C-alpha cells in the first residue's frame, strides 16, 4: 500500500453511502467506507493513481442532492480502495458535512456510554 505523508486531525466515522468520483478523464461509481471533516476512504469501480486529483459527490441521508467535494487528493491506495483528502469544500458542503458528522459523533458517544453501563 502506497501512502502520502499525512496525519489525520479528525476522527473518521464508518459510513456506507454511494458516491460518484470524477477525475481528469473518467467518472465512476463507488461506496464511501468512512468519513471525516477532512477526508474519506472509498471503494470504487477502478483504481486511482496515488496523488491523483478527484471530484467526489456523496449521497448523504440528510438531503436528496449529493454533497459535492470540489477537489480531493488520493493519499493512499490499496487495490480499488483509497483514501481521499478534501482540498476544496464549498461552504454549503462543509456545513452539510459538519451536520452529518455531528450526528455520527453523538451516536458514537452514546454507544460508548452504553458500553460503560
PDB file of N, CA and C in Angstrom:
ATOM      1  N   UNK A   1       0.847  -1.169   0.000  1.00  0.00           N
ATOM      2  CA  UNK A   1       0.000   0.000   0.000  1.00  0.00           C
ATOM      3  C   UNK A   1       0.889   1.228   0.000  1.00  0.00           C
ATOM      4  N   UNK A   2       0.676   2.133  -0.932  1.00  0.00           N
ATOM      5  CA  UNK A   2       1.448   3.368  -1.003  1.00  0.00           C
ATOM      6  C   UNK A   2       0.753   4.464  -0.223  1.00  0.00           C
ATOM      7  N   UNK A   3       1.533   5.355   0.375  1.00  0.00           N
ATOM      8  CA  UNK A   3       0.987   6.441   1.196  1.00  0.00           C
ATOM      9  C   UNK A   3       1.646   7.764   0.863  1.00  0.00           C
ATOM     10  N   UNK A   4       0.902   8.837   0.990  1.00  0.00           N
ATOM     11  CA  UNK A   4       1.462  10.172   1.075  1.00  0.00           C
ATOM     12  C   UNK A   4       1.632  10.453   2.549  1.00  0.00           C
ATOM     13  N   UNK A   5       2.656  11.180   2.949  1.00  0.00           N
ATOM     14  CA  UNK A   5       2.775  11.503   4.373  1.00  0.00           C
ATOM     15  C   UNK A   5       1.634  12.447   4.769  1.00  0.00           C
ATOM     16  N   UNK A   6       0.862  12.049   5.739  1.00  0.00           N
ATOM     17  CA  UNK A   6      -0.224  12.888   6.227  1.00  0.00           C
ATOM     18  C   UNK A   6      -0.601  12.423   7.625  1.00  0.00           C
ATOM     19  N   UNK A   7      -1.210  13.312   8.356  1.00  0.00           N
ATOM     20  CA  UNK A   7      -1.700  12.986   9.691  1.00  0.00           C
ATOM     21  C   UNK A   7      -3.161  13.407   9.768  1.00  0.00           C
ATOM     22  N   UNK A   8      -3.980  12.550  10.314  1.00  0.00           N
ATOM     23  CA  UNK A   8      -5.399  12.879  10.438  1.00  0.00           C
ATOM     24  C   UNK A   8      -5.615  13.758  11.668  1.00  0.00           C
ATOM     25  N   UNK A   9      -6.371  14.821  11.476  1.00  0.00           N
ATOM     26  CA  UNK A   9      -6.672  15.698  12.603  1.00  0.00           C
ATOM     27  C   UNK A   9      -8.110  15.516  13.090  1.00  0.00           C
ATOM     28  N   UNK A  10      -8.897  14.713  12.367  1.00  0.00           N
ATOM     29  CA  UNK A  10     -10.280  14.447  12.750  1.00  0.00           C
ATOM     30  C   UNK A  10     -10.524  12.945  12.754  1.00  0.00           C
ATOM     31  N   UNK A  11     -11.405  12.502  13.641  1.00  0.00           N
ATOM     32  CA  UNK A  11     -11.795  11.090  13.680  1.00  0.00           C
ATOM     33  C   UNK A  11     -12.590  10.759  12.421  1.00  0.00           C
ATOM     34  N   UNK A  12     -12.319   9.595  11.868  1.00  0.00           N
ATOM     35  CA  UNK A  12     -13.123   9.105  10.750  1.00  0.00           C
ATOM     36  C   UNK A  12     -14.174   8.163  11.287  1.00  0.00           C
ATOM     37  N   UNK A  13     -15.389   8.335  10.814  1.00  0.00           N
ATOM     38  CA  UNK A  13     -16.519   7.517  11.242  1.00  0.00           C
ATOM     39  C   UNK A  13     -16.898   6.550  10.136  1.00  0.00           C
ATOM     40  N   UNK A  14     -17.203   5.298  10.488  1.00  0.00           N
ATOM     41  CA  UNK A  14     -17.689   4.355   9.472  1.00  0.00           C
ATOM     42  C   UNK A  14     -18.933   4.942   8.795  1.00  0.00           C
ATOM     43  N   UNK A  15     -18.995   4.811   7.497  1.00  0.00           N
ATOM     44  CA  UNK A  15     -20.104   5.406   6.756  1.00  0.00           C
ATOM     45  C   UNK A  15     -20.248   4.645   5.448  1.00  0.00           C
ATOM     46  N   UNK A  16     -21.420   4.156   5.162  1.00  0.00           N
ATOM     47  CA  UNK A  16     -21.680   3.391   3.950  1.00  0.00           C
ATOM     48  C   UNK A  16     -22.673   4.175   3.105  1.00  0.00           C
ATOM     49  N   UNK A  17     -22.202   4.727   2.014  1.00  0.00           N
ATOM     50  CA  UNK A  17     -23.051   5.558   1.175  1.00  0.00           C
ATOM     51  C   UNK A  17     -22.530   5.530  -0.258  1.00  0.00           C
ATOM     52  N   UNK A  18     -23.425   5.575  -1.244  1.00  0.00           N
ATOM     53  CA  UNK A  18     -22.968   5.610  -2.637  1.00  0.00           C
ATOM     54  C   UNK A  18     -22.313   6.951  -2.967  1.00  0.00           C
ATOM     55  N   UNK A  19     -21.408   6.917  -3.926  1.00  0.00           N
ATOM     56  CA  UNK A  19     -20.758   8.145  -4.375  1.00  0.00           C
ATOM     57  C   UNK A  19     -20.385   8.037  -5.838  1.00  0.00           C
ATOM     58  N   UNK A  20     -20.076   9.190  -6.412  1.00  0.00           N
ATOM     59  CA  UNK A  20     -19.595   9.279  -7.784  1.00  0.00           C
ATOM     60  C   UNK A  20     -18.267  10.027  -7.726  1.00  0.00           C
ATOM     61  N   UNK A  21     -17.261   9.495  -8.421  1.00  0.00           N
ATOM     62  CA  UNK A  21     -15.930  10.095  -8.423  1.00  0.00           C
ATOM     63  C   UNK A  21     -15.550  10.438  -9.858  1.00  0.00           C
ATOM     64  N   UNK A  22     -15.027  11.629 -10.041  1.00  0.00           N
ATOM     65  CA  UNK A  22     -14.566  12.038 -11.355  1.00  0.00           C
ATOM     66  C   UNK A  22     -13.127  12.496 -11.306  1.00  0.00           C
ATOM     67  N   UNK A  23     -12.390  12.140 -12.329  1.00  0.00           N
ATOM     68  CA  UNK A  23     -11.011  12.584 -12.477  1.00  0.00           C
ATOM     69  C   UNK A  23     -10.863  13.330 -13.782  1.00  0.00           C
ATOM     70  N   UNK A  24      -9.638  13.435 -14.250  1.00  0.00           N
ATOM     71  CA  UNK A  24      -9.386  14.176 -15.492  1.00  0.00           C
ATOM     72  C   UNK A  24     -10.067  13.557 -16.702  1.00  0.00           C
ATOM     73  N   UNK A  25     -10.101  12.232 -16.767  1.00  0.00           N
ATOM     74  CA  UNK A  25     -10.650  11.598 -17.977  1.00  0.00           C
ATOM     75  C   UNK A  25     -11.611  10.453 -17.665  1.00  0.00           C
ATOM     76  N   UNK A  26     -12.226  10.462 -16.486  1.00  0.00           N
ATOM     77  CA  UNK A  26     -13.109   9.359 -16.129  1.00  0.00           C
ATOM     78  C   UNK A  26     -14.143   9.799 -15.086  1.00  0.00           C
ATOM     79  N   UNK A  27     -15.196   9.021 -15.009  1.00  0.00           N
ATOM     80  CA  UNK A  27     -16.206   9.130 -13.963  1.00  0.00           C
ATOM     81  C   UNK A  27     -16.557   7.705 -13.581  1.00  0.00           C
ATOM     82  N   UNK A  28     -16.652   7.428 -12.283  1.00  0.00           N
ATOM     83  CA  UNK A  28     -17.010   6.078 -11.855  1.00  0.00           C
ATOM     84  C   UNK A  28     -17.838   6.136 -10.582  1.00  0.00           C
ATOM     85  N   UNK A  29     -18.441   5.012 -10.250  1.00  0.00           N
ATOM     86  CA  UNK A  29     -19.250   4.901  -9.044  1.00  0.00           C
ATOM     87  C   UNK A  29     -18.466   4.173  -7.971  1.00  0.00           C
ATOM     88  N   UNK A  30     -18.870   4.401  -6.731  1.00  0.00           N
ATOM     89  CA  UNK A  30     -18.210   3.729  -5.633  1.00  0.00           C
ATOM     90  C   UNK A  30     -19.044   3.781  -4.375  1.00  0.00           C
ATOM     91  N   UNK A  31     -18.420   3.371  -3.283  1.00  0.00           N
ATOM     92  CA  UNK A  31     -19.071   3.359  -1.978  1.00  0.00           C
ATOM     93  C   UNK A  31     -18.142   4.000  -0.962  1.00  0.00           C
ATOM     94  N   UNK A  32     -18.688   4.909  -0.199  1.00  0.00           N
ATOM     95  CA  UNK A  32     -17.959   5.546   0.885  1.00  0.00           C
ATOM     96  C   UNK A  32     -17.803   4.538   2.010  1.00  0.00           C
ATOM     97  N   UNK A  33     -16.622   4.424   2.602  1.00  0.00           N
ATOM     98  CA  UNK A  33     -16.360   3.495   3.705  1.00  0.00           C
ATOM     99  C   UNK A  33     -16.286   4.212   5.047  1.00  0.00           C
ATOM    100  N   UNK A  34     -15.638   5.394   5.049  1.00  0.00           N
ATOM    101  CA  UNK A  34     -15.607   6.203   6.260  1.00  0.00           C
ATOM    102  C   UNK A  34     -15.479   7.665   5.874  1.00  0.00           C
ATOM    103  N   UNK A  35     -15.720   8.536   6.863  1.00  0.00           N
ATOM    104  CA  UNK A  35     -15.857   9.951   6.562  1.00  0.00           C
ATOM    105  C   UNK A  35     -15.378  10.787   7.738  1.00  0.00           C
ATOM    106  N   UNK A  36     -14.678  11.878   7.442  1.00  0.00           N
ATOM    107  CA  UNK A  36     -14.306  12.865   8.455  1.00  0.00           C
ATOM    108  C   UNK A  36     -14.437  14.245   7.827  1.00  0.00           C
ATOM    109  N   UNK A  37     -14.117  15.271   8.597  1.00  0.00           N
ATOM    110  CA  UNK A  37     -14.223  16.635   8.100  1.00  0.00           C
ATOM    111  C   UNK A  37     -13.197  16.912   6.995  1.00  0.00           C
ATOM    112  N   UNK A  38     -12.078  16.200   7.002  1.00  0.00           N
ATOM    113  CA  UNK A  38     -11.019  16.478   6.028  1.00  0.00           C
ATOM    114  C   UNK A  38     -10.753  15.365   5.034  1.00  0.00           C
ATOM    115  N   UNK A  39     -11.518  14.263   5.105  1.00  0.00           N
ATOM    116  CA  UNK A  39     -11.248  13.195   4.161  1.00  0.00           C
ATOM    117  C   UNK A  39     -12.182  12.017   4.294  1.00  0.00           C
ATOM    118  N   UNK A  40     -11.921  11.009   3.483  1.00  0.00           N
ATOM    119  CA  UNK A  40     -12.748   9.808   3.492  1.00  0.00           C
ATOM    120  C   UNK A  40     -11.948   8.647   2.898  1.00  0.00           C
ATOM    121  N   UNK A  41     -12.491   7.457   3.035  1.00  0.00           N
ATOM    122  CA  UNK A  41     -11.988   6.332   2.258  1.00  0.00           C
ATOM    123  C   UNK A  41     -13.167   5.781   1.473  1.00  0.00           C
ATOM    124  N   UNK A  42     -12.833   5.175   0.331  1.00  0.00           N
ATOM    125  CA  UNK A  42     -13.881   4.700  -0.560  1.00  0.00           C
ATOM    126  C   UNK A  42     -13.394   3.507  -1.356  1.00  0.00           C
ATOM    127  N   UNK A  43     -14.344   2.752  -1.855  1.00  0.00           N
ATOM    128  CA  UNK A  43     -14.084   1.647  -2.767  1.00  0.00           C
ATOM    129  C   UNK A  43     -14.802   1.999  -4.060  1.00  0.00           C
ATOM    130  N   UNK A  44     -14.087   1.890  -5.184  1.00  0.00           N
ATOM    131  CA  UNK A  44     -14.650   2.302  -6.474  1.00  0.00           C
ATOM    132  C   UNK A  44     -14.507   1.223  -7.527  1.00  0.00           C
ATOM    133  N   UNK A  45     -15.104   1.494  -8.679  1.00  0.00           N
ATOM    134  CA  UNK A  45     -15.053   0.588  -9.824  1.00  0.00           C
ATOM    135  C   UNK A  45     -13.668   0.513 -10.454  1.00  0.00           C
ATOM    136  N   UNK A  46     -12.777   1.414 -10.090  1.00  0.00           N
ATOM    137  CA  UNK A  46     -11.455   1.484 -10.714  1.00  0.00           C
ATOM    138  C   UNK A  46     -10.394   1.809  -9.678  1.00  0.00           C
ATOM    139  N   UNK A  47      -9.138   1.624 -10.047  1.00  0.00           N
ATOM    140  CA  UNK A  47      -8.022   2.004  -9.186  1.00  0.00           C
ATOM    141  C   UNK A  47      -7.604   3.428  -9.530  1.00  0.00           C
ATOM    142  N   UNK A  48      -7.199   4.180  -8.510  1.00  0.00           N
ATOM    143  CA  UNK A  48      -6.760   5.558  -8.700  1.00  0.00           C
ATOM    144  C   UNK A  48      -5.264   5.659  -8.480  1.00  0.00           C
ATOM    145  N   UNK A  49      -4.578   6.433  -9.297  1.00  0.00           N
ATOM    146  CA  UNK A  49      -3.157   6.659  -9.052  1.00  0.00           C
ATOM    147  C   UNK A  49      -2.958   7.488  -7.779  1.00  0.00           C
ATOM    148  N   UNK A  50      -1.947   7.152  -7.025  1.00  0.00           N
ATOM    149  CA  UNK A  50      -1.607   7.903  -5.826  1.00  0.00           C
ATOM    150  C   UNK A  50      -1.341   9.356  -6.205  1.00  0.00           C
ATOM    151  N   UNK A  51      -1.931  10.267  -5.460  1.00  0.00           N
ATOM    152  CA  UNK A  51      -1.736  11.689  -5.713  1.00  0.00           C
ATOM    153  C   UNK A  51      -2.683  12.284  -6.731  1.00  0.00           C
ATOM    154  N   UNK A  52      -3.518  11.461  -7.351  1.00  0.00           N
ATOM    155  CA  UNK A  52      -4.422  11.995  -8.367  1.00  0.00           C
ATOM    156  C   UNK A  52      -5.457  12.913  -7.723  1.00  0.00           C
ATOM    157  N   UNK A  53      -5.896  13.875  -8.495  1.00  0.00           N
ATOM    158  CA  UNK A  53      -6.918  14.829  -8.059  1.00  0.00           C
ATOM    159  C   UNK A  53      -8.280  14.294  -8.502  1.00  0.00           C
ATOM    160  N   UNK A  54      -9.261  14.364  -7.592  1.00  0.00           N
ATOM    161  CA  UNK A  54     -10.590  13.849  -7.888  1.00  0.00           C
ATOM    162  C   UNK A  54     -11.660  14.821  -7.397  1.00  0.00           C
ATOM    163  N   UNK A  55     -12.804  14.699  -7.991  1.00  0.00           N
ATOM    164  CA  UNK A  55     -14.012  15.391  -7.538  1.00  0.00           C
ATOM    165  C   UNK A  55     -14.953  14.290  -7.072  1.00  0.00           C
ATOM    166  N   UNK A  56     -15.537  14.451  -5.877  1.00  0.00           N
ATOM    167  CA  UNK A  56     -16.377  13.409  -5.293  1.00  0.00           C
ATOM    168  C   UNK A  56     -17.758  13.987  -4.995  1.00  0.00           C
ATOM    169  N   UNK A  57     -18.789  13.229  -5.312  1.00  0.00           N
ATOM    170  CA  UNK A  57     -20.165  13.581  -4.948  1.00  0.00           C
ATOM    171  C   UNK A  57     -20.721  12.441  -4.103  1.00  0.00           C
ATOM    172  N   UNK A  58     -21.051  12.743  -2.850  1.00  0.00           N
ATOM    173  CA  UNK A  58     -21.508  11.737  -1.887  1.00  0.00           C
ATOM    174  C   UNK A  58     -22.994  11.917  -1.639  1.00  0.00           C
ATOM    175  N   UNK A  59     -23.731  10.801  -1.639  1.00  0.00           N
ATOM    176  CA  UNK A  59     -25.157  10.850  -1.322  1.00  0.00           C
ATOM    177  C   UNK A  59     -25.316  10.673   0.177  1.00  0.00           C
ATOM    178  N   UNK A  60     -25.633  11.767   0.880  1.00  0.00           N
ATOM    179  CA  UNK A  60     -25.844  11.740   2.323  1.00  0.00           C
ATOM    180  C   UNK A  60     -27.319  11.577   2.631  1.00  0.00           C
ATOM    181  N   UNK A  61     -27.640  10.984   3.784  1.00  0.00           N
ATOM    182  CA  UNK A  61     -29.050  10.745   4.107  1.00  0.00           C
ATOM    183  C   UNK A  61     -29.852  12.009   4.417  1.00  0.00           C
ATOM    184  N   UNK A  62     -29.200  13.150   4.595  1.00  0.00           N
ATOM    185  CA  UNK A  62     -29.914  14.364   5.015  1.00  0.00           C
ATOM    186  C   UNK A  62     -30.549  15.145   3.877  1.00  0.00           C
ATOM    187  N   UNK A  63     -30.289  14.766   2.622  1.00  0.00           N
ATOM    188  CA  UNK A  63     -30.748  15.602   1.521  1.00  0.00           C
ATOM    189  C   UNK A  63     -30.840  14.774   0.247  1.00  0.00           C
ATOM    190  N   UNK A  64     -31.669  15.212  -0.672  1.00  0.00           N
ATOM    191  CA  UNK A  64     -31.829  14.494  -1.935  1.00  0.00           C
ATOM    192  C   UNK A  64     -30.652  14.735  -2.882  1.00  0.00           C
ATOM    193  N   UNK A  65     -30.009  15.901  -2.766  1.00  0.00           N
ATOM    194  CA  UNK A  65     -28.887  16.189  -3.660  1.00  0.00           C
ATOM    195  C   UNK A  65     -27.572  15.703  -3.056  1.00  0.00           C
ATOM    196  N   UNK A  66     -26.613  15.431  -3.916  1.00  0.00           N
ATOM    197  CA  UNK A  66     -25.309  14.933  -3.482  1.00  0.00           C
ATOM    198  C   UNK A  66     -24.496  16.048  -2.823  1.00  0.00           C
ATOM    199  N   UNK A  67     -23.588  15.641  -1.931  1.00  0.00           N
ATOM    200  CA  UNK A  67     -22.647  16.557  -1.294  1.00  0.00           C
ATOM    201  C   UNK A  67     -21.431  16.668  -2.211  1.00  0.00           C
ATOM    202  N   UNK A  68     -21.183  17.846  -2.802  1.00  0.00           N
ATOM    203  CA  UNK A  68     -20.050  17.963  -3.714  1.00  0.00           C
ATOM    204  C   UNK A  68     -18.751  18.308  -2.985  1.00  0.00           C
ATOM    205  N   UNK A  69     -17.729  17.519  -3.246  1.00  0.00           N
ATOM    206  CA  UNK A  69     -16.380  17.834  -2.794  1.00  0.00           C
ATOM    207  C   UNK A  69     -15.639  18.250  -4.061  1.00  0.00           C
ATOM    208  N   UNK A  70     -15.401  19.543  -4.181  1.00  0.00           N
ATOM    209  CA  UNK A  70     -14.879  20.108  -5.419  1.00  0.00           C
ATOM    210  C   UNK A  70     -13.519  19.539  -5.810  1.00  0.00           C
ATOM    211  N   UNK A  71     -12.646  19.328  -4.806  1.00  0.00           N
ATOM    212  CA  UNK A  71     -11.316  18.830  -5.122  1.00  0.00           C
ATOM    213  C   UNK A  71     -10.790  18.002  -3.963  1.00  0.00           C
ATOM    214  N   UNK A  72     -10.315  16.811  -4.291  1.00  0.00           N
ATOM    215  CA  UNK A  72      -9.688  15.940  -3.312  1.00  0.00           C
ATOM    216  C   UNK A  72      -8.418  15.347  -3.900  1.00  0.00           C
ATOM    217  N   UNK A  73      -7.553  14.812  -3.028  1.00  0.00           N
ATOM    218  CA  UNK A  73      -6.310  14.192  -3.467  1.00  0.00           C
ATOM    219  C   UNK A  73      -6.235  12.793  -2.891  1.00  0.00           C
ATOM    220  N   UNK A  74      -5.926  11.818  -3.712  1.00  0.00           N
ATOM    221  CA  UNK A  74      -5.787  10.428  -3.272  1.00  0.00           C
ATOM    222  C   UNK A  74      -4.489  10.308  -2.470  1.00  0.00           C
ATOM    223  N   UNK A  75      -4.612   9.945  -1.184  1.00  0.00           N
ATOM    224  CA  UNK A  75      -3.452   9.906  -0.291  1.00  0.00           C
ATOM    225  C   UNK A  75      -2.931   8.497  -0.043  1.00  0.00           C
ATOM    226  N   UNK A  76      -3.750   7.481  -0.262  1.00  0.00           N
ATOM    227  CA  UNK A  76      -3.296   6.088  -0.170  1.00  0.00           C
ATOM    228  C   UNK A  76      -4.167   5.229  -1.071  1.00  0.00           C
ATOM    229  N   UNK A  77      -3.587   4.129  -1.527  1.00  0.00           N
ATOM    230  CA  UNK A  77      -4.286   3.236  -2.447  1.00  0.00           C
ATOM    231  C   UNK A  77      -3.991   1.801  -2.044  1.00  0.00           C
ATOM    232  N   UNK A  78      -5.054   1.002  -2.007  1.00  0.00           N
ATOM    233  CA  UNK A  78      -4.910  -0.440  -1.799  1.00  0.00           C
ATOM    234  C   UNK A  78      -5.921  -1.113  -2.717  1.00  0.00           C
ATOM    235  N   UNK A  79      -5.470  -1.470  -3.912  1.00  0.00           N
ATOM    236  CA  UNK A  79      -6.375  -2.023  -4.914  1.00  0.00           C
ATOM    237  C   UNK A  79      -7.385  -0.972  -5.317  1.00  0.00           C
ATOM    238  N   UNK A  80      -8.669  -1.315  -5.188  1.00  0.00           N
ATOM    239  CA  UNK A  80      -9.734  -0.371  -5.552  1.00  0.00           C
ATOM    240  C   UNK A  80     -10.225   0.453  -4.369  1.00  0.00           C
ATOM    241  N   UNK A  81      -9.595   0.295  -3.236  1.00  0.00           N
ATOM    242  CA  UNK A  81      -9.912   1.129  -2.078  1.00  0.00           C
ATOM    243  C   UNK A  81      -8.843   2.208  -1.960  1.00  0.00           C
ATOM    244  N   UNK A  82      -9.271   3.420  -1.598  1.00  0.00           N
ATOM    245  CA  UNK A  82      -8.307   4.509  -1.467  1.00  0.00           C
ATOM    246  C   UNK A  82      -8.799   5.528  -0.444  1.00  0.00           C
ATOM    247  N   UNK A  83      -7.871   6.358  -0.002  1.00  0.00           N
ATOM    248  CA  UNK A  83      -8.181   7.458   0.895  1.00  0.00           C
ATOM    249  C   UNK A  83      -8.085   8.763   0.149  1.00  0.00           C
ATOM    250  N   UNK A  84      -8.996   9.689   0.460  1.00  0.00           N
ATOM    251  CA  UNK A  84      -9.018  10.981  -0.214  1.00  0.00           C
ATOM    252  C   UNK A  84      -8.982  12.084   0.836  1.00  0.00           C
ATOM    253  N   UNK A  85      -8.074  13.020   0.648  1.00  0.00           N
ATOM    254  CA  UNK A  85      -8.006  14.217   1.475  1.00  0.00           C
ATOM    255  C   UNK A  85      -8.801  15.305   0.767  1.00  0.00           C
ATOM    256  N   UNK A  86      -9.718  15.962   1.490  1.00  0.00           N
ATOM    257  CA  UNK A  86     -10.514  17.037   0.895  1.00  0.00           C
ATOM    258  C   UNK A  86      -9.662  18.304   0.820  1.00  0.00           C
ATOM    259  N   UNK A  87      -9.521  18.852  -0.385  1.00  0.00           N
ATOM    260  CA  UNK A  87      -8.740  20.073  -0.579  1.00  0.00           C
ATOM    261  C   UNK A  87      -9.620  21.298  -0.772  1.00  0.00           C
ATOM    262  N   UNK A  88     -10.750  21.125  -1.463  1.00  0.00           N
ATOM    263  CA  UNK A  88     -11.686  22.237  -1.673  1.00  0.00           C
ATOM    264  C   UNK A  88     -13.098  21.750  -1.381  1.00  0.00           C
ATOM    265  N   UNK A  89     -13.710  22.372  -0.380  1.00  0.00           N
ATOM    266  CA  UNK A  89     -15.059  22.009   0.042  1.00  0.00           C
ATOM    267  C   UNK A  89     -15.838  23.308   0.193  1.00  0.00           C
ATOM    268  N   UNK A  90     -16.788  23.576  -0.712  1.00  0.00           N
ATOM    269  CA  UNK A  90     -17.554  24.823  -0.620  1.00  0.00           C
ATOM    270  C   UNK A  90     -18.256  24.937   0.736  1.00  0.00           C
ATOM    271  N   UNK A  91     -18.501  26.150   1.182  1.00  0.00           N
ATOM    272  CA  UNK A  91     -19.100  26.392   2.494  1.00  0.00           C
ATOM    273  C   UNK A  91     -20.417  25.650   2.705  1.00  0.00           C
ATOM    274  N   UNK A  92     -21.352  25.639   1.739  1.00  0.00           N
ATOM    275  CA  UNK A  92     -22.583  24.863   1.956  1.00  0.00           C
ATOM    276  C   UNK A  92     -22.301  23.367   2.152  1.00  0.00           C
ATOM    277  N   UNK A  93     -21.323  22.835   1.411  1.00  0.00           N
ATOM    278  CA  UNK A  93     -20.951  21.427   1.572  1.00  0.00           C
ATOM    279  C   UNK A  93     -20.327  21.196   2.935  1.00  0.00           C
ATOM    280  N   UNK A  94     -19.474  22.106   3.369  1.00  0.00           N
ATOM    281  CA  UNK A  94     -18.839  21.995   4.680  1.00  0.00           C
ATOM    282  C   UNK A  94     -19.891  21.993   5.788  1.00  0.00           C
ATOM    283  N   UNK A  95     -20.911  22.822   5.658  1.00  0.00           N
ATOM    284  CA  UNK A  95     -21.989  22.877   6.663  1.00  0.00           C
ATOM    285  C   UNK A  95     -22.764  21.564   6.703  1.00  0.00           C
ATOM    286  N   UNK A  96     -23.107  21.031   5.542  1.00  0.00           N
ATOM    287  CA  UNK A  96     -23.814  19.739   5.494  1.00  0.00           C
ATOM    288  C   UNK A  96     -22.970  18.619   6.062  1.00  0.00           C
ATOM    289  N   UNK A  97     -21.703  18.604   5.705  1.00  0.00           N
ATOM    290  CA  UNK A  97     -20.793  17.585   6.213  1.00  0.00           C
ATOM    291  C   UNK A  97     -20.669  17.699   7.733  1.00  0.00           C
ATOM    292  N   UNK A  98     -20.572  18.917   8.229  1.00  0.00           N
ATOM    293  CA  UNK A  98     -20.486  19.141   9.670  1.00  0.00           C
ATOM    294  C   UNK A  98     -21.718  18.600  10.393  1.00  0.00           C
ATOM    295  N   UNK A  99     -22.904  18.834   9.851  1.00  0.00           N
ATOM    296  CA  UNK A  99     -24.145  18.321  10.467  1.00  0.00           C
ATOM    297  C   UNK A  99     -24.147  16.794  10.488  1.00  0.00           C
ATOM    298  N   UNK A 100     -23.734  16.194   9.393  1.00  0.00           N
ATOM    299  CA  UNK A 100     -23.689  14.732   9.308  1.00  0.00           C
ATOM    300  C   UNK A 100     -22.704  14.168  10.324  1.00  0.00           C
ATOM    301  N   UNK A 101     -21.524  14.766  10.406  1.00  0.00           N
ATOM    302  CA  UNK A 101     -20.501  14.281  11.340  1.00  0.00           C
ATOM    303  C   UNK A 101     -20.904  14.506  12.792  1.00  0.00           C
ATOM    304  N   UNK A 102     -21.608  15.585  13.064  1.00  0.00           N
ATOM    305  CA  UNK A 102     -22.098  15.837  14.429  1.00  0.00           C
ATOM    306  C   UNK A 102     -23.052  14.727  14.850  1.00  0.00           C
ATOM    307  N   UNK A 103     -23.932  14.311  13.954  1.00  0.00           N
ATOM    308  CA  UNK A 103     -24.859  13.207  14.239  1.00  0.00           C
ATOM    309  C   UNK A 103     -24.090  11.915  14.483  1.00  0.00           C
ATOM    310  N   UNK A 104     -23.077  11.641  13.660  1.00  0.00           N
ATOM    311  CA  UNK A 104     -22.269  10.432  13.841  1.00  0.00           C
ATOM    312  C   UNK A 104     -21.503  10.466  15.166  1.00  0.00           C
ATOM    313  N   UNK A 105     -21.013  11.637  15.552  1.00  0.00           N
ATOM    314  CA  UNK A 105     -20.291  11.761  16.820  1.00  0.00           C
ATOM    315  C   UNK A 105     -21.219  11.501  18.002  1.00  0.00           C
ATOM    316  N   UNK A 106     -22.420  12.034  17.952  1.00  0.00           N
ATOM    317  CA  UNK A 106     -23.389  11.798  19.027  1.00  0.00           C
ATOM    318  C   UNK A 106     -23.707  10.313  19.128  1.00  0.00           C
ATOM    319  N   UNK A 107     -23.907   9.645  17.993  1.00  0.00           N
ATOM    320  CA  UNK A 107     -24.168   8.203  18.004  1.00  0.00           C
ATOM    321  C   UNK A 107     -22.982   7.433  18.576  1.00  0.00           C
ATOM    322  N   UNK A 108     -21.774   7.828  18.208  1.00  0.00           N
ATOM    323  CA  UNK A 108     -20.559   7.192  18.706  1.00  0.00           C
ATOM    324  C   UNK A 108     -20.440   7.357  20.220  1.00  0.00           C
ATOM    325  N   UNK A 109     -20.661   8.572  20.712  1.00  0.00           N
ATOM    326  CA  UNK A 109     -20.557   8.831  22.154  1.00  0.00           C
ATOM    327  C   UNK A 109     -21.643   8.090  22.933  1.00  0.00           C
ATOM    328  N   UNK A 110     -22.848   8.042  22.380  1.00  0.00           N
ATOM    329  CA  UNK A 110     -23.921   7.287  23.035  1.00  0.00           C
ATOM    330  C   UNK A 110     -23.590   5.804  23.106  1.00  0.00           C
ATOM    331  N   UNK A 111     -23.012   5.263  22.037  1.00  0.00           N
ATOM    332  CA  UNK A 111     -22.629   3.852  22.031  1.00  0.00           C
ATOM    333  C   UNK A 111     -21.538   3.585  23.077  1.00  0.00           C
ATOM    334  N   UNK A 112     -20.578   4.498  23.208  1.00  0.00           N
ATOM    335  CA  UNK A 112     -19.520   4.351  24.205  1.00  0.00           C
ATOM    336  C   UNK A 112     -20.101   4.404  25.622  1.00  0.00           C
ATOM    337  N   UNK A 113     -21.031   5.314  25.846  1.00  0.00           N
ATOM    338  CA  UNK A 113     -21.665   5.445  27.149  1.00  0.00           C
ATOM    339  C   UNK A 113     -22.456   4.194  27.489  1.00  0.00           C
ATOM    340  N   UNK A 114     -23.170   3.653  26.502  1.00  0.00           N
ATOM    341  CA  UNK A 114     -23.978   2.432  26.739  1.00  0.00           C
ATOM    342  C   UNK A 114     -23.097   1.232  27.031  1.00  0.00           C
ATOM    343  N   UNK A 115     -21.905   1.153  26.442  1.00  0.00           N
ATOM    344  CA  UNK A 115     -20.975   0.055  26.718  1.00  0.00           C
ATOM    345  C   UNK A 115     -20.476   0.121  28.155  1.00  0.00           C
ATOM    346  N   UNK A 116     -20.281   1.339  28.668  1.00  0.00           N
ATOM    347  CA  UNK A 116     -19.760   1.517  30.033  1.00  0.00           C
ATOM    348  C   UNK A 116     -20.792   1.130  31.088  1.00  0.00           C
ATOM    349  N   UNK A 117     -22.060   1.149  30.726  1.00  0.00           N
ATOM    350  CA  UNK A 117     -23.133   0.842  31.685  1.00  0.00           C
ATOM    351  C   UNK A 117     -23.221  -0.615  31.854  1.00  0.00           C
TER     352      UNK A 117
END
